[in-house]
N, C-alpha and C. Protein backbone atom coordinates (compact mmCIF):
# COMPACT_ATOMS: atom_id res chain seq x y z
N UNK A 1 13.27 -7.82 -16.44
CA UNK A 1 12.15 -8.72 -16.52
C UNK A 1 11.35 -8.66 -15.22
N UNK A 2 10.08 -8.44 -15.33
CA UNK A 2 9.26 -8.31 -14.13
C UNK A 2 8.56 -9.63 -13.82
N UNK A 3 8.47 -9.91 -12.59
CA UNK A 3 7.74 -11.12 -12.16
C UNK A 3 6.26 -10.84 -12.20
N UNK A 4 5.48 -11.85 -12.43
CA UNK A 4 4.05 -11.71 -12.33
C UNK A 4 3.55 -12.48 -11.19
N UNK A 5 2.57 -11.91 -10.49
CA UNK A 5 1.91 -12.60 -9.39
C UNK A 5 0.37 -12.55 -9.63
N UNK A 6 -0.28 -13.54 -9.18
CA UNK A 6 -1.71 -13.56 -9.26
C UNK A 6 -2.34 -13.52 -7.90
N UNK A 7 -3.41 -12.82 -7.79
CA UNK A 7 -4.07 -12.66 -6.50
C UNK A 7 -5.32 -13.52 -6.46
N UNK A 8 -5.49 -14.24 -5.38
CA UNK A 8 -6.67 -15.10 -5.23
C UNK A 8 -7.77 -14.37 -4.46
N UNK A 9 -7.39 -13.51 -3.48
CA UNK A 9 -8.40 -12.81 -2.68
C UNK A 9 -7.79 -11.58 -2.03
N UNK A 10 -8.62 -10.56 -1.88
CA UNK A 10 -8.21 -9.32 -1.20
C UNK A 10 -9.30 -9.00 -0.19
N UNK A 11 -8.88 -8.78 1.06
CA UNK A 11 -9.78 -8.36 2.12
C UNK A 11 -9.34 -6.98 2.58
N UNK A 12 -10.23 -6.04 2.53
CA UNK A 12 -9.94 -4.67 2.98
C UNK A 12 -10.74 -4.40 4.24
N UNK A 13 -10.04 -4.26 5.35
CA UNK A 13 -10.64 -3.81 6.60
C UNK A 13 -10.35 -2.33 6.66
N UNK A 14 -11.34 -1.51 6.40
CA UNK A 14 -11.17 -0.06 6.22
C UNK A 14 -10.53 0.61 7.43
N UNK A 15 -10.61 0.04 8.59
CA UNK A 15 -10.07 0.66 9.83
C UNK A 15 -8.77 0.01 10.30
N UNK A 16 -8.33 -1.06 9.64
CA UNK A 16 -7.23 -1.80 10.24
C UNK A 16 -6.15 -2.24 9.24
N UNK A 17 -6.52 -2.95 8.18
CA UNK A 17 -5.49 -3.59 7.36
C UNK A 17 -6.04 -4.01 5.98
N UNK A 18 -5.12 -4.38 5.15
CA UNK A 18 -5.44 -5.02 3.89
C UNK A 18 -4.73 -6.37 3.88
N UNK A 19 -5.47 -7.37 3.55
CA UNK A 19 -4.92 -8.75 3.52
C UNK A 19 -5.07 -9.30 2.09
N UNK A 20 -4.00 -9.75 1.52
CA UNK A 20 -4.01 -10.30 0.19
C UNK A 20 -3.53 -11.77 0.21
N UNK A 21 -4.34 -12.60 -0.40
CA UNK A 21 -3.94 -14.02 -0.58
C UNK A 21 -3.59 -14.19 -2.04
N UNK A 22 -2.35 -14.61 -2.26
CA UNK A 22 -1.88 -14.82 -3.62
C UNK A 22 -2.14 -16.27 -4.01
N UNK A 23 -2.11 -16.55 -5.31
CA UNK A 23 -2.46 -17.86 -5.80
C UNK A 23 -1.46 -18.94 -5.37
N UNK A 24 -0.26 -18.47 -4.91
CA UNK A 24 0.70 -19.45 -4.35
C UNK A 24 0.44 -19.76 -2.89
N UNK A 25 -0.76 -19.28 -2.39
CA UNK A 25 -1.23 -19.50 -1.03
C UNK A 25 -0.51 -18.62 -0.02
N UNK A 26 0.33 -17.74 -0.40
CA UNK A 26 0.94 -16.80 0.49
C UNK A 26 -0.09 -15.76 0.92
N UNK A 27 -0.26 -15.57 2.21
CA UNK A 27 -1.16 -14.58 2.79
C UNK A 27 -0.35 -13.46 3.34
N UNK A 28 -0.61 -12.23 2.87
CA UNK A 28 0.15 -11.07 3.30
C UNK A 28 -0.81 -10.02 3.92
N UNK A 29 -0.47 -9.57 5.09
CA UNK A 29 -1.30 -8.59 5.77
C UNK A 29 -0.50 -7.29 5.89
N UNK A 30 -1.11 -6.21 5.52
CA UNK A 30 -0.49 -4.89 5.56
C UNK A 30 -1.33 -3.95 6.43
N UNK A 31 -0.76 -3.43 7.49
CA UNK A 31 -1.41 -2.49 8.35
C UNK A 31 -1.61 -1.18 7.58
N UNK A 32 -2.63 -0.43 7.90
CA UNK A 32 -2.93 0.78 7.15
C UNK A 32 -1.81 1.82 7.25
N UNK A 33 -1.25 1.99 8.44
CA UNK A 33 -0.20 3.02 8.61
C UNK A 33 1.03 2.69 7.75
N UNK A 34 1.41 1.40 7.72
CA UNK A 34 2.57 1.03 6.92
C UNK A 34 2.29 1.19 5.42
N UNK A 35 1.06 0.90 4.99
CA UNK A 35 0.72 1.09 3.56
C UNK A 35 0.74 2.57 3.20
N UNK A 36 0.11 3.36 4.07
CA UNK A 36 0.08 4.82 3.77
C UNK A 36 1.49 5.42 3.75
N UNK A 37 2.31 5.01 4.68
CA UNK A 37 3.69 5.51 4.75
C UNK A 37 4.52 5.13 3.55
N UNK A 38 4.20 4.03 2.93
CA UNK A 38 4.96 3.55 1.77
C UNK A 38 4.22 3.84 0.45
N UNK A 39 3.33 4.79 0.45
CA UNK A 39 2.59 5.12 -0.76
C UNK A 39 3.52 5.28 -1.97
N UNK A 40 3.23 4.57 -3.05
CA UNK A 40 4.11 4.58 -4.22
C UNK A 40 3.87 5.72 -5.22
N UNK A 41 3.02 6.67 -4.87
CA UNK A 41 2.74 7.78 -5.85
C UNK A 41 4.02 8.61 -6.00
N UNK A 42 4.07 9.36 -7.11
CA UNK A 42 5.25 10.19 -7.38
C UNK A 42 5.55 11.18 -6.27
N UNK A 43 4.55 11.86 -5.74
CA UNK A 43 4.82 12.87 -4.72
C UNK A 43 5.37 12.26 -3.43
N UNK A 44 4.80 11.15 -2.97
CA UNK A 44 5.30 10.48 -1.75
C UNK A 44 6.67 9.88 -1.98
N UNK A 45 6.87 9.26 -3.11
CA UNK A 45 8.18 8.65 -3.41
C UNK A 45 9.23 9.74 -3.48
N UNK A 46 8.90 10.87 -4.11
CA UNK A 46 9.86 11.98 -4.20
C UNK A 46 10.24 12.49 -2.83
N UNK A 47 9.26 12.60 -1.95
CA UNK A 47 9.52 13.07 -0.57
C UNK A 47 10.47 12.09 0.17
N UNK A 48 10.23 10.82 0.00
CA UNK A 48 11.10 9.81 0.68
C UNK A 48 12.51 9.84 0.03
N UNK A 49 12.59 10.00 -1.27
CA UNK A 49 13.87 10.04 -1.95
C UNK A 49 14.72 11.22 -1.49
N UNK A 50 14.06 12.32 -1.07
CA UNK A 50 14.79 13.48 -0.58
C UNK A 50 15.10 13.34 0.93
N UNK A 51 14.77 12.18 1.49
CA UNK A 51 15.06 11.96 2.94
C UNK A 51 13.96 12.40 3.85
N UNK A 52 12.84 12.80 3.27
CA UNK A 52 11.69 13.25 4.07
C UNK A 52 10.75 12.11 4.41
N UNK A 53 9.68 12.47 5.03
CA UNK A 53 8.64 11.50 5.40
C UNK A 53 7.36 11.88 4.69
N UNK A 54 6.78 10.99 3.93
CA UNK A 54 5.60 11.29 3.17
C UNK A 54 4.34 11.26 4.06
N UNK A 55 4.32 10.38 5.05
CA UNK A 55 3.21 10.30 5.98
C UNK A 55 3.71 9.63 7.24
N UNK A 56 3.32 9.98 8.39
CA UNK A 56 2.43 11.07 8.77
C UNK A 56 3.08 12.43 8.57
N UNK A 57 2.25 13.47 8.55
CA UNK A 57 2.81 14.80 8.38
C UNK A 57 3.83 15.15 9.43
N UNK A 58 5.03 15.58 9.03
CA UNK A 58 6.08 15.88 9.98
C UNK A 58 5.60 16.93 11.03
N UNK A 59 6.02 16.72 12.27
CA UNK A 59 5.74 17.65 13.32
C UNK A 59 4.33 17.59 13.89
N UNK A 60 3.52 16.64 13.39
CA UNK A 60 2.18 16.51 13.91
C UNK A 60 1.93 15.03 14.25
N UNK A 61 1.09 14.78 15.21
CA UNK A 61 0.76 13.38 15.46
C UNK A 61 0.00 12.77 14.31
N UNK A 62 0.18 11.48 14.06
CA UNK A 62 -0.52 10.84 12.94
C UNK A 62 -2.01 10.95 13.12
N UNK A 63 -2.73 11.43 12.11
CA UNK A 63 -4.17 11.50 12.20
C UNK A 63 -4.75 10.08 12.12
N UNK A 64 -5.98 9.94 12.59
CA UNK A 64 -6.66 8.64 12.46
C UNK A 64 -6.73 8.31 10.98
N UNK A 65 -6.39 7.12 10.65
CA UNK A 65 -6.28 6.71 9.24
C UNK A 65 -7.26 5.58 8.92
N UNK A 66 -8.05 5.77 7.91
CA UNK A 66 -8.94 4.72 7.41
C UNK A 66 -8.90 4.69 5.88
N UNK A 67 -9.41 3.65 5.34
CA UNK A 67 -9.54 3.56 3.88
C UNK A 67 -10.99 3.98 3.55
N UNK A 68 -11.14 4.96 2.73
CA UNK A 68 -12.44 5.46 2.28
C UNK A 68 -12.92 4.57 1.15
N UNK A 69 -12.03 4.22 0.25
CA UNK A 69 -12.36 3.41 -0.90
C UNK A 69 -11.15 2.64 -1.38
N UNK A 70 -11.35 1.47 -1.91
CA UNK A 70 -10.27 0.68 -2.52
C UNK A 70 -10.82 0.04 -3.77
N UNK A 71 -10.00 0.03 -4.82
CA UNK A 71 -10.45 -0.55 -6.06
C UNK A 71 -9.28 -1.22 -6.80
N UNK A 72 -9.62 -2.25 -7.54
CA UNK A 72 -8.63 -2.90 -8.39
C UNK A 72 -8.28 -1.98 -9.55
N UNK A 73 -7.01 -1.92 -9.88
CA UNK A 73 -6.53 -1.20 -11.01
C UNK A 73 -6.06 -2.26 -12.03
N UNK A 74 -7.01 -2.69 -12.87
CA UNK A 74 -6.77 -3.77 -13.77
C UNK A 74 -6.36 -5.03 -12.98
N UNK A 75 -5.46 -5.78 -13.53
CA UNK A 75 -4.90 -6.91 -12.82
C UNK A 75 -3.52 -6.55 -12.22
N UNK A 76 -3.23 -5.27 -12.22
CA UNK A 76 -1.93 -4.74 -11.86
C UNK A 76 -1.77 -4.44 -10.40
N UNK A 77 -2.79 -3.84 -9.78
CA UNK A 77 -2.62 -3.41 -8.38
C UNK A 77 -3.87 -2.94 -7.74
N UNK A 78 -3.67 -2.30 -6.60
CA UNK A 78 -4.76 -1.83 -5.76
C UNK A 78 -4.66 -0.29 -5.59
N UNK A 79 -5.74 0.39 -5.91
CA UNK A 79 -5.80 1.82 -5.69
C UNK A 79 -6.58 2.08 -4.38
N UNK A 80 -6.05 3.04 -3.60
CA UNK A 80 -6.65 3.32 -2.31
C UNK A 80 -6.92 4.78 -2.15
N UNK A 81 -8.11 5.13 -1.66
CA UNK A 81 -8.40 6.50 -1.26
C UNK A 81 -8.40 6.51 0.24
N UNK A 82 -7.52 7.34 0.80
CA UNK A 82 -7.28 7.41 2.26
C UNK A 82 -8.17 8.51 2.87
N UNK A 83 -8.39 8.36 4.17
CA UNK A 83 -9.21 9.33 4.91
C UNK A 83 -8.56 10.73 4.98
N UNK A 84 -7.28 10.80 4.69
CA UNK A 84 -6.61 12.11 4.66
C UNK A 84 -6.74 12.78 3.31
N UNK A 85 -7.48 12.12 2.40
CA UNK A 85 -7.77 12.69 1.07
C UNK A 85 -6.81 12.23 -0.02
N UNK A 86 -5.70 11.57 0.39
CA UNK A 86 -4.73 11.10 -0.62
C UNK A 86 -5.29 9.92 -1.37
N UNK A 87 -5.05 9.93 -2.72
CA UNK A 87 -5.63 8.83 -3.51
C UNK A 87 -4.88 8.54 -4.78
N UNK A 88 -3.65 9.01 -4.90
CA UNK A 88 -2.93 8.85 -6.16
C UNK A 88 -2.05 7.64 -6.26
N UNK A 89 -1.80 6.96 -5.15
CA UNK A 89 -0.91 5.80 -5.20
C UNK A 89 -1.61 4.53 -5.66
N UNK A 90 -0.94 3.79 -6.51
CA UNK A 90 -1.39 2.46 -6.93
C UNK A 90 -0.36 1.48 -6.40
N UNK A 91 -0.81 0.56 -5.58
CA UNK A 91 0.06 -0.44 -4.99
C UNK A 91 0.15 -1.65 -5.91
N UNK A 92 1.22 -1.85 -6.65
CA UNK A 92 1.32 -2.95 -7.55
C UNK A 92 1.38 -4.29 -6.76
N UNK A 93 0.67 -5.30 -7.24
CA UNK A 93 0.65 -6.59 -6.55
C UNK A 93 2.05 -7.23 -6.53
N UNK A 94 2.84 -7.03 -7.56
CA UNK A 94 4.23 -7.62 -7.55
C UNK A 94 5.03 -6.99 -6.43
N UNK A 95 4.91 -5.70 -6.21
CA UNK A 95 5.66 -5.01 -5.14
C UNK A 95 5.14 -5.44 -3.80
N UNK A 96 3.83 -5.56 -3.63
CA UNK A 96 3.28 -6.00 -2.35
C UNK A 96 3.74 -7.43 -2.04
N UNK A 97 3.82 -8.26 -3.01
CA UNK A 97 4.28 -9.64 -2.81
C UNK A 97 5.76 -9.64 -2.37
N UNK A 98 6.60 -8.81 -3.01
CA UNK A 98 7.99 -8.73 -2.61
C UNK A 98 8.11 -8.18 -1.20
N UNK A 99 7.29 -7.14 -0.88
CA UNK A 99 7.30 -6.56 0.47
C UNK A 99 7.00 -7.62 1.51
N UNK A 100 5.98 -8.42 1.23
CA UNK A 100 5.59 -9.46 2.16
C UNK A 100 6.70 -10.46 2.37
N UNK A 101 7.36 -10.82 1.29
CA UNK A 101 8.44 -11.77 1.40
C UNK A 101 9.67 -11.26 2.09
N UNK A 102 9.98 -9.97 1.90
CA UNK A 102 11.16 -9.37 2.44
C UNK A 102 10.93 -8.71 3.82
N UNK A 103 9.65 -8.47 4.15
CA UNK A 103 9.33 -7.85 5.41
C UNK A 103 9.52 -6.33 5.43
N UNK A 104 9.69 -5.74 4.27
CA UNK A 104 9.82 -4.29 4.18
C UNK A 104 9.33 -3.80 2.85
N UNK A 105 8.87 -2.53 2.76
CA UNK A 105 8.36 -2.04 1.51
C UNK A 105 9.39 -1.95 0.41
N UNK A 106 8.94 -2.19 -0.81
CA UNK A 106 9.80 -2.06 -1.99
C UNK A 106 8.89 -1.54 -3.10
N UNK A 107 8.30 -0.37 -2.85
CA UNK A 107 7.34 0.15 -3.82
C UNK A 107 7.95 1.28 -4.64
């Protein structure tokens, strides 16, 4: 059984963070690097499941990271296009709310 959460407001600072206010008045702020590192797409998840790092690229310093575009994916989540060209991850609002409450990603 999945929990449902409702979002009251989303603020996207393309150079810094994403802030989500849920209807229960919980405000959650996610820094860009932590969001990108926890990308929930199949390729990034697969890399993490194998013990690797999905982002930043191993052996290189992290590139400057910004959000090029962000869009709602129905009432389900947030889609992000990153400055590194990655755009396949959809961040479900339920997972972001759990992450905020637990202090660690659960995507």
